[in-house]
């Protein structure tokens, strides 16, 4: 799991706060067993720093759900 949070996001304090929140949310998802794989790159644009924890959680859960559907679709259609 990696986070790409550029300087456009804000000062280091802001980037670190977002990184801590994302790390916490990903750990929760892992404990719930909702992560399909361990390989994730989360890219955050400037707007991510304005999200509340609950909003960030909702966005991340939607992204993880979408990623899971994508992986399952790939598995279903792969020859073998």
PDB file of N, CA and C in Angstrom:
ATOM      1  N   UNK A   1       0.852  -1.156   0.000  1.00  0.00           N
ATOM      2  CA  UNK A   1       0.000   0.000   0.000  1.00  0.00           C
ATOM      3  C   UNK A   1       0.907   1.231   0.000  1.00  0.00           C
ATOM      4  N   UNK A   2       0.571   2.163  -0.876  1.00  0.00           N
ATOM      5  CA  UNK A   2       1.358   3.390  -0.966  1.00  0.00           C
ATOM      6  C   UNK A   2       0.421   4.577  -1.179  1.00  0.00           C
ATOM      7  N   UNK A   3       0.868   5.720  -0.731  1.00  0.00           N
ATOM      8  CA  UNK A   3       0.089   6.944  -0.874  1.00  0.00           C
ATOM      9  C   UNK A   3       0.895   7.949  -1.677  1.00  0.00           C
ATOM     10  N   UNK A   4       0.266   8.540  -2.684  1.00  0.00           N
ATOM     11  CA  UNK A   4       0.907   9.594  -3.474  1.00  0.00           C
ATOM     12  C   UNK A   4       0.203  10.902  -3.128  1.00  0.00           C
ATOM     13  N   UNK A   5       0.808  11.649  -2.232  1.00  0.00           N
ATOM     14  CA  UNK A   5       0.223  12.907  -1.764  1.00  0.00           C
ATOM     15  C   UNK A   5       1.243  14.001  -2.024  1.00  0.00           C
ATOM     16  N   UNK A   6       1.070  14.704  -3.116  1.00  0.00           N
ATOM     17  CA  UNK A   6       2.036  15.713  -3.528  1.00  0.00           C
ATOM     18  C   UNK A   6       1.930  16.998  -2.733  1.00  0.00           C
ATOM     19  N   UNK A   7       2.864  17.883  -2.992  1.00  0.00           N
ATOM     20  CA  UNK A   7       2.924  19.160  -2.276  1.00  0.00           C
ATOM     21  C   UNK A   7       1.736  20.057  -2.591  1.00  0.00           C
ATOM     22  N   UNK A   8       1.053  19.796  -3.706  1.00  0.00           N
ATOM     23  CA  UNK A   8      -0.151  20.579  -4.021  1.00  0.00           C
ATOM     24  C   UNK A   8      -1.248  20.363  -2.972  1.00  0.00           C
ATOM     25  N   UNK A   9      -1.154  19.262  -2.247  1.00  0.00           N
ATOM     26  CA  UNK A   9      -2.127  18.949  -1.205  1.00  0.00           C
ATOM     27  C   UNK A   9      -2.058  19.953  -0.057  1.00  0.00           C
ATOM     28  N   UNK A  10      -0.879  20.476   0.184  1.00  0.00           N
ATOM     29  CA  UNK A  10      -0.700  21.430   1.266  1.00  0.00           C
ATOM     30  C   UNK A  10       0.623  21.196   1.962  1.00  0.00           C
ATOM     31  N   UNK A  11       0.813  21.865   3.098  1.00  0.00           N
ATOM     32  CA  UNK A  11       2.070  21.693   3.838  1.00  0.00           C
ATOM     33  C   UNK A  11       2.202  20.274   4.406  1.00  0.00           C
ATOM     34  N   UNK A  12       3.385  19.966   4.877  1.00  0.00           N
ATOM     35  CA  UNK A  12       3.677  18.620   5.384  1.00  0.00           C
ATOM     36  C   UNK A  12       2.702  18.191   6.472  1.00  0.00           C
ATOM     37  N   UNK A  13       2.297  19.106   7.327  1.00  0.00           N
ATOM     38  CA  UNK A  13       1.350  18.775   8.405  1.00  0.00           C
ATOM     39  C   UNK A  13       0.053  18.242   7.818  1.00  0.00           C
ATOM     40  N   UNK A  14      -0.431  18.877   6.783  1.00  0.00           N
ATOM     41  CA  UNK A  14      -1.674  18.460   6.133  1.00  0.00           C
ATOM     42  C   UNK A  14      -1.496  17.117   5.445  1.00  0.00           C
ATOM     43  N   UNK A  15      -0.411  16.959   4.704  1.00  0.00           N
ATOM     44  CA  UNK A  15      -0.160  15.686   4.013  1.00  0.00           C
ATOM     45  C   UNK A  15      -0.036  14.541   5.015  1.00  0.00           C
ATOM     46  N   UNK A  16       0.646  14.778   6.115  1.00  0.00           N
ATOM     47  CA  UNK A  16       0.805  13.730   7.132  1.00  0.00           C
ATOM     48  C   UNK A  16      -0.523  13.377   7.795  1.00  0.00           C
ATOM     49  N   UNK A  17      -1.381  14.387   8.029  1.00  0.00           N
ATOM     50  CA  UNK A  17      -2.697  14.119   8.619  1.00  0.00           C
ATOM     51  C   UNK A  17      -3.526  13.234   7.686  1.00  0.00           C
ATOM     52  N   UNK A  18      -3.528  13.567   6.402  1.00  0.00           N
ATOM     53  CA  UNK A  18      -4.264  12.769   5.418  1.00  0.00           C
ATOM     54  C   UNK A  18      -3.677  11.359   5.351  1.00  0.00           C
ATOM     55  N   UNK A  19      -2.366  11.250   5.355  1.00  0.00           N
ATOM     56  CA  UNK A  19      -1.703   9.938   5.302  1.00  0.00           C
ATOM     57  C   UNK A  19      -2.081   9.082   6.520  1.00  0.00           C
ATOM     58  N   UNK A  20      -2.101   9.692   7.697  1.00  0.00           N
ATOM     59  CA  UNK A  20      -2.493   8.951   8.915  1.00  0.00           C
ATOM     60  C   UNK A  20      -3.932   8.474   8.820  1.00  0.00           C
ATOM     61  N   UNK A  21      -4.814   9.337   8.345  1.00  0.00           N
ATOM     62  CA  UNK A  21      -6.224   8.954   8.203  1.00  0.00           C
ATOM     63  C   UNK A  21      -6.379   7.791   7.223  1.00  0.00           C
ATOM     64  N   UNK A  22      -5.716   7.906   6.073  1.00  0.00           N
ATOM     65  CA  UNK A  22      -5.797   6.841   5.078  1.00  0.00           C
ATOM     66  C   UNK A  22      -5.229   5.530   5.616  1.00  0.00           C
ATOM     67  N   UNK A  23      -4.111   5.612   6.305  1.00  0.00           N
ATOM     68  CA  UNK A  23      -3.504   4.410   6.881  1.00  0.00           C
ATOM     69  C   UNK A  23      -4.467   3.735   7.866  1.00  0.00           C
ATOM     70  N   UNK A  24      -5.128   4.547   8.692  1.00  0.00           N
ATOM     71  CA  UNK A  24      -6.090   4.020   9.660  1.00  0.00           C
ATOM     72  C   UNK A  24      -7.268   3.349   8.939  1.00  0.00           C
ATOM     73  N   UNK A  25      -7.799   4.019   7.923  1.00  0.00           N
ATOM     74  CA  UNK A  25      -8.939   3.471   7.187  1.00  0.00           C
ATOM     75  C   UNK A  25      -8.562   2.185   6.445  1.00  0.00           C
ATOM     76  N   UNK A  26      -7.371   2.132   5.887  1.00  0.00           N
ATOM     77  CA  UNK A  26      -6.929   0.911   5.204  1.00  0.00           C
ATOM     78  C   UNK A  26      -6.725  -0.229   6.202  1.00  0.00           C
ATOM     79  N   UNK A  27      -6.221   0.073   7.380  1.00  0.00           N
ATOM     80  CA  UNK A  27      -6.063  -0.959   8.413  1.00  0.00           C
ATOM     81  C   UNK A  27      -7.426  -1.502   8.830  1.00  0.00           C
ATOM     82  N   UNK A  28      -8.416  -0.617   8.957  1.00  0.00           N
ATOM     83  CA  UNK A  28      -9.772  -1.070   9.270  1.00  0.00           C
ATOM     84  C   UNK A  28     -10.324  -1.971   8.178  1.00  0.00           C
ATOM     85  N   UNK A  29     -10.116  -1.584   6.927  1.00  0.00           N
ATOM     86  CA  UNK A  29     -10.588  -2.392   5.802  1.00  0.00           C
ATOM     87  C   UNK A  29      -9.911  -3.759   5.802  1.00  0.00           C
ATOM     88  N   UNK A  30      -8.635  -3.781   6.141  1.00  0.00           N
ATOM     89  CA  UNK A  30      -7.918  -5.051   6.199  1.00  0.00           C
ATOM     90  C   UNK A  30      -8.465  -5.943   7.311  1.00  0.00           C
ATOM     91  N   UNK A  31      -8.749  -5.347   8.466  1.00  0.00           N
ATOM     92  CA  UNK A  31      -9.323  -6.116   9.579  1.00  0.00           C
ATOM     93  C   UNK A  31     -10.705  -6.682   9.219  1.00  0.00           C
ATOM     94  N   UNK A  32     -11.485  -5.913   8.447  1.00  0.00           N
ATOM     95  CA  UNK A  32     -12.809  -6.386   8.021  1.00  0.00           C
ATOM     96  C   UNK A  32     -12.721  -7.412   6.910  1.00  0.00           C
ATOM     97  N   UNK A  33     -11.548  -7.543   6.303  1.00  0.00           N
ATOM     98  CA  UNK A  33     -11.374  -8.501   5.220  1.00  0.00           C
ATOM     99  C   UNK A  33     -11.900  -7.994   3.889  1.00  0.00           C
ATOM    100  N   UNK A  34     -11.986  -6.682   3.710  1.00  0.00           N
ATOM    101  CA  UNK A  34     -12.538  -6.136   2.474  1.00  0.00           C
ATOM    102  C   UNK A  34     -11.475  -5.790   1.442  1.00  0.00           C
ATOM    103  N   UNK A  35     -10.211  -5.998   1.758  1.00  0.00           N
ATOM    104  CA  UNK A  35      -9.163  -5.727   0.784  1.00  0.00           C
ATOM    105  C   UNK A  35      -8.953  -6.962  -0.075  1.00  0.00           C
ATOM    106  N   UNK A  36      -9.038  -6.790  -1.381  1.00  0.00           N
ATOM    107  CA  UNK A  36      -8.899  -7.900  -2.305  1.00  0.00           C
ATOM    108  C   UNK A  36      -7.438  -8.313  -2.449  1.00  0.00           C
ATOM    109  N   UNK A  37      -6.562  -7.334  -2.391  1.00  0.00           N
ATOM    110  CA  UNK A  37      -5.139  -7.565  -2.555  1.00  0.00           C
ATOM    111  C   UNK A  37      -4.397  -6.616  -1.611  1.00  0.00           C
ATOM    112  N   UNK A  38      -3.124  -6.763  -1.504  1.00  0.00           N
ATOM    113  CA  UNK A  38      -2.330  -5.864  -0.665  1.00  0.00           C
ATOM    114  C   UNK A  38      -1.709  -4.740  -1.479  1.00  0.00           C
ATOM    115  N   UNK A  39      -1.906  -4.757  -2.774  1.00  0.00           N
ATOM    116  CA  UNK A  39      -1.279  -3.781  -3.658  1.00  0.00           C
ATOM    117  C   UNK A  39      -2.230  -2.642  -3.982  1.00  0.00           C
ATOM    118  N   UNK A  40      -2.020  -1.508  -3.344  1.00  0.00           N
ATOM    119  CA  UNK A  40      -2.847  -0.337  -3.579  1.00  0.00           C
ATOM    120  C   UNK A  40      -1.960   0.894  -3.679  1.00  0.00           C
ATOM    121  N   UNK A  41      -2.294   1.761  -4.616  1.00  0.00           N
ATOM    122  CA  UNK A  41      -1.685   3.079  -4.705  1.00  0.00           C
ATOM    123  C   UNK A  41      -2.820   4.077  -4.613  1.00  0.00           C
ATOM    124  N   UNK A  42      -2.832   4.844  -3.558  1.00  0.00           N
ATOM    125  CA  UNK A  42      -3.884   5.830  -3.341  1.00  0.00           C
ATOM    126  C   UNK A  42      -3.308   7.200  -3.662  1.00  0.00           C
ATOM    127  N   UNK A  43      -3.913   7.851  -4.646  1.00  0.00           N
ATOM    128  CA  UNK A  43      -3.462   9.159  -5.096  1.00  0.00           C
ATOM    129  C   UNK A  43      -4.464  10.187  -4.605  1.00  0.00           C
ATOM    130  N   UNK A  44      -3.970  11.183  -3.895  1.00  0.00           N
ATOM    131  CA  UNK A  44      -4.845  12.208  -3.349  1.00  0.00           C
ATOM    132  C   UNK A  44      -4.565  13.566  -3.949  1.00  0.00           C
ATOM    133  N   UNK A  45      -5.601  14.186  -4.486  1.00  0.00           N
ATOM    134  CA  UNK A  45      -5.479  15.543  -5.011  1.00  0.00           C
ATOM    135  C   UNK A  45      -5.732  16.556  -3.903  1.00  0.00           C
ATOM    136  N   UNK A  46      -5.638  17.832  -4.225  1.00  0.00           N
ATOM    137  CA  UNK A  46      -5.779  18.889  -3.220  1.00  0.00           C
ATOM    138  C   UNK A  46      -7.097  18.839  -2.438  1.00  0.00           C
ATOM    139  N   UNK A  47      -8.170  18.400  -3.076  1.00  0.00           N
ATOM    140  CA  UNK A  47      -9.481  18.388  -2.411  1.00  0.00           C
ATOM    141  C   UNK A  47      -9.547  17.394  -1.242  1.00  0.00           C
ATOM    142  N   UNK A  48      -8.674  16.397  -1.237  1.00  0.00           N
ATOM    143  CA  UNK A  48      -8.729  15.373  -0.192  1.00  0.00           C
ATOM    144  C   UNK A  48      -8.479  15.959   1.207  1.00  0.00           C
ATOM    145  N   UNK A  49      -7.716  17.038   1.260  1.00  0.00           N
ATOM    146  CA  UNK A  49      -7.390  17.628   2.566  1.00  0.00           C
ATOM    147  C   UNK A  49      -8.599  18.333   3.189  1.00  0.00           C
ATOM    148  N   UNK A  50      -9.629  18.620   2.401  1.00  0.00           N
ATOM    149  CA  UNK A  50     -10.823  19.300   2.916  1.00  0.00           C
ATOM    150  C   UNK A  50     -11.906  18.334   3.371  1.00  0.00           C
ATOM    151  N   UNK A  51     -11.697  17.038   3.168  1.00  0.00           N
ATOM    152  CA  UNK A  51     -12.712  16.049   3.530  1.00  0.00           C
ATOM    153  C   UNK A  51     -12.659  15.744   5.021  1.00  0.00           C
ATOM    154  N   UNK A  52     -13.840  15.562   5.603  1.00  0.00           N
ATOM    155  CA  UNK A  52     -13.892  15.093   6.992  1.00  0.00           C
ATOM    156  C   UNK A  52     -13.490  13.618   7.006  1.00  0.00           C
ATOM    157  N   UNK A  53     -13.252  13.082   8.185  1.00  0.00           N
ATOM    158  CA  UNK A  53     -12.878  11.675   8.301  1.00  0.00           C
ATOM    159  C   UNK A  53     -13.967  10.786   7.716  1.00  0.00           C
ATOM    160  N   UNK A  54     -15.229  11.098   8.016  1.00  0.00           N
ATOM    161  CA  UNK A  54     -16.342  10.286   7.502  1.00  0.00           C
ATOM    162  C   UNK A  54     -16.441  10.368   5.980  1.00  0.00           C
ATOM    163  N   UNK A  55     -16.236  11.560   5.420  1.00  0.00           N
ATOM    164  CA  UNK A  55     -16.275  11.712   3.964  1.00  0.00           C
ATOM    165  C   UNK A  55     -15.129  10.938   3.315  1.00  0.00           C
ATOM    166  N   UNK A  56     -13.957  11.026   3.912  1.00  0.00           N
ATOM    167  CA  UNK A  56     -12.799  10.300   3.396  1.00  0.00           C
ATOM    168  C   UNK A  56     -13.058   8.795   3.455  1.00  0.00           C
ATOM    169  N   UNK A  57     -13.650   8.340   4.538  1.00  0.00           N
ATOM    170  CA  UNK A  57     -13.984   6.931   4.702  1.00  0.00           C
ATOM    171  C   UNK A  57     -14.952   6.478   3.606  1.00  0.00           C
ATOM    172  N   UNK A  58     -15.957   7.279   3.329  1.00  0.00           N
ATOM    173  CA  UNK A  58     -16.937   6.944   2.294  1.00  0.00           C
ATOM    174  C   UNK A  58     -16.273   6.860   0.925  1.00  0.00           C
ATOM    175  N   UNK A  59     -15.460   7.849   0.594  1.00  0.00           N
ATOM    176  CA  UNK A  59     -14.777   7.850  -0.695  1.00  0.00           C
ATOM    177  C   UNK A  59     -13.845   6.648  -0.833  1.00  0.00           C
ATOM    178  N   UNK A  60     -13.104   6.341   0.226  1.00  0.00           N
ATOM    179  CA  UNK A  60     -12.174   5.220   0.177  1.00  0.00           C
ATOM    180  C   UNK A  60     -12.934   3.897   0.041  1.00  0.00           C
ATOM    181  N   UNK A  61     -14.010   3.738   0.785  1.00  0.00           N
ATOM    182  CA  UNK A  61     -14.801   2.503   0.685  1.00  0.00           C
ATOM    183  C   UNK A  61     -15.384   2.335  -0.708  1.00  0.00           C
ATOM    184  N   UNK A  62     -15.849   3.432  -1.313  1.00  0.00           N
ATOM    185  CA  UNK A  62     -16.365   3.358  -2.687  1.00  0.00           C
ATOM    186  C   UNK A  62     -15.259   2.948  -3.656  1.00  0.00           C
ATOM    187  N   UNK A  63     -14.070   3.500  -3.480  1.00  0.00           N
ATOM    188  CA  UNK A  63     -12.945   3.162  -4.350  1.00  0.00           C
ATOM    189  C   UNK A  63     -12.539   1.697  -4.177  1.00  0.00           C
ATOM    190  N   UNK A  64     -12.523   1.221  -2.948  1.00  0.00           N
ATOM    191  CA  UNK A  64     -12.163  -0.180  -2.695  1.00  0.00           C
ATOM    192  C   UNK A  64     -13.202  -1.125  -3.286  1.00  0.00           C
ATOM    193  N   UNK A  65     -14.474  -0.758  -3.179  1.00  0.00           N
ATOM    194  CA  UNK A  65     -15.547  -1.566  -3.762  1.00  0.00           C
ATOM    195  C   UNK A  65     -15.400  -1.624  -5.274  1.00  0.00           C
ATOM    196  N   UNK A  66     -15.107  -0.485  -5.874  1.00  0.00           N
ATOM    197  CA  UNK A  66     -14.902  -0.429  -7.321  1.00  0.00           C
ATOM    198  C   UNK A  66     -13.699  -1.278  -7.730  1.00  0.00           C
ATOM    199  N   UNK A  67     -12.626  -1.200  -6.972  1.00  0.00           N
ATOM    200  CA  UNK A  67     -11.429  -1.993  -7.267  1.00  0.00           C
ATOM    201  C   UNK A  67     -11.725  -3.482  -7.150  1.00  0.00           C
ATOM    202  N   UNK A  68     -12.513  -3.852  -6.149  1.00  0.00           N
ATOM    203  CA  UNK A  68     -12.867  -5.263  -5.960  1.00  0.00           C
ATOM    204  C   UNK A  68     -13.668  -5.766  -7.152  1.00  0.00           C
ATOM    205  N   UNK A  69     -14.648  -4.965  -7.603  1.00  0.00           N
ATOM    206  CA  UNK A  69     -15.449  -5.356  -8.769  1.00  0.00           C
ATOM    207  C   UNK A  69     -14.560  -5.514  -9.998  1.00  0.00           C
ATOM    208  N   UNK A  70     -13.611  -4.615 -10.151  1.00  0.00           N
ATOM    209  CA  UNK A  70     -12.705  -4.657 -11.293  1.00  0.00           C
ATOM    210  C   UNK A  70     -11.853  -5.924 -11.264  1.00  0.00           C
ATOM    211  N   UNK A  71     -11.332  -6.263 -10.106  1.00  0.00           N
ATOM    212  CA  UNK A  71     -10.504  -7.456  -9.974  1.00  0.00           C
ATOM    213  C   UNK A  71     -11.343  -8.702 -10.213  1.00  0.00           C
ATOM    214  N   UNK A  72     -12.547  -8.752  -9.673  1.00  0.00           N
ATOM    215  CA  UNK A  72     -13.409  -9.910  -9.870  1.00  0.00           C
ATOM    216  C   UNK A  72     -13.802 -10.066 -11.324  1.00  0.00           C
ATOM    217  N   UNK A  73     -14.052  -8.948 -12.008  1.00  0.00           N
ATOM    218  CA  UNK A  73     -14.374  -8.996 -13.430  1.00  0.00           C
ATOM    219  C   UNK A  73     -13.220  -9.510 -14.247  1.00  0.00           C
ATOM    220  N   UNK A  74     -12.016  -9.120 -13.873  1.00  0.00           N
ATOM    221  CA  UNK A  74     -10.815  -9.590 -14.569  1.00  0.00           C
ATOM    222  C   UNK A  74     -10.628 -11.083 -14.351  1.00  0.00           C
ATOM    223  N   UNK A  75     -10.860 -11.547 -13.159  1.00  0.00           N
ATOM    224  CA  UNK A  75     -10.709 -12.969 -12.857  1.00  0.00           C
ATOM    225  C   UNK A  75     -11.744 -13.796 -13.611  1.00  0.00           C
ATOM    226  N   UNK A  76     -12.945 -13.252 -13.708  1.00  0.00           N
ATOM    227  CA  UNK A  76     -14.027 -13.977 -14.349  1.00  0.00           C
ATOM    228  C   UNK A  76     -13.770 -14.149 -15.843  1.00  0.00           C
ATOM    229  N   UNK A  77     -13.157 -13.155 -16.470  1.00  0.00           N
ATOM    230  CA  UNK A  77     -12.979 -13.162 -17.917  1.00  0.00           C
ATOM    231  C   UNK A  77     -11.626 -13.680 -18.358  1.00  0.00           C
ATOM    232  N   UNK A  78     -10.745 -13.988 -17.434  1.00  0.00           N
ATOM    233  CA  UNK A  78      -9.429 -14.444 -17.865  1.00  0.00           C
ATOM    234  C   UNK A  78      -9.499 -15.903 -18.304  1.00  0.00           C
ATOM    235  N   UNK A  79      -8.776 -16.232 -19.352  1.00  0.00           N
ATOM    236  CA  UNK A  79      -8.794 -17.609 -19.860  1.00  0.00           C
ATOM    237  C   UNK A  79      -8.127 -18.560 -18.865  1.00  0.00           C
ATOM    238  N   UNK A  80      -8.590 -19.742 -18.862  1.00  0.00           N
ATOM    239  CA  UNK A  80      -7.874 -20.613 -17.990  1.00  0.00           C
ATOM    240  C   UNK A  80      -8.529 -21.824 -17.593  1.00  0.00           C
TER     241      UNK A  80
END
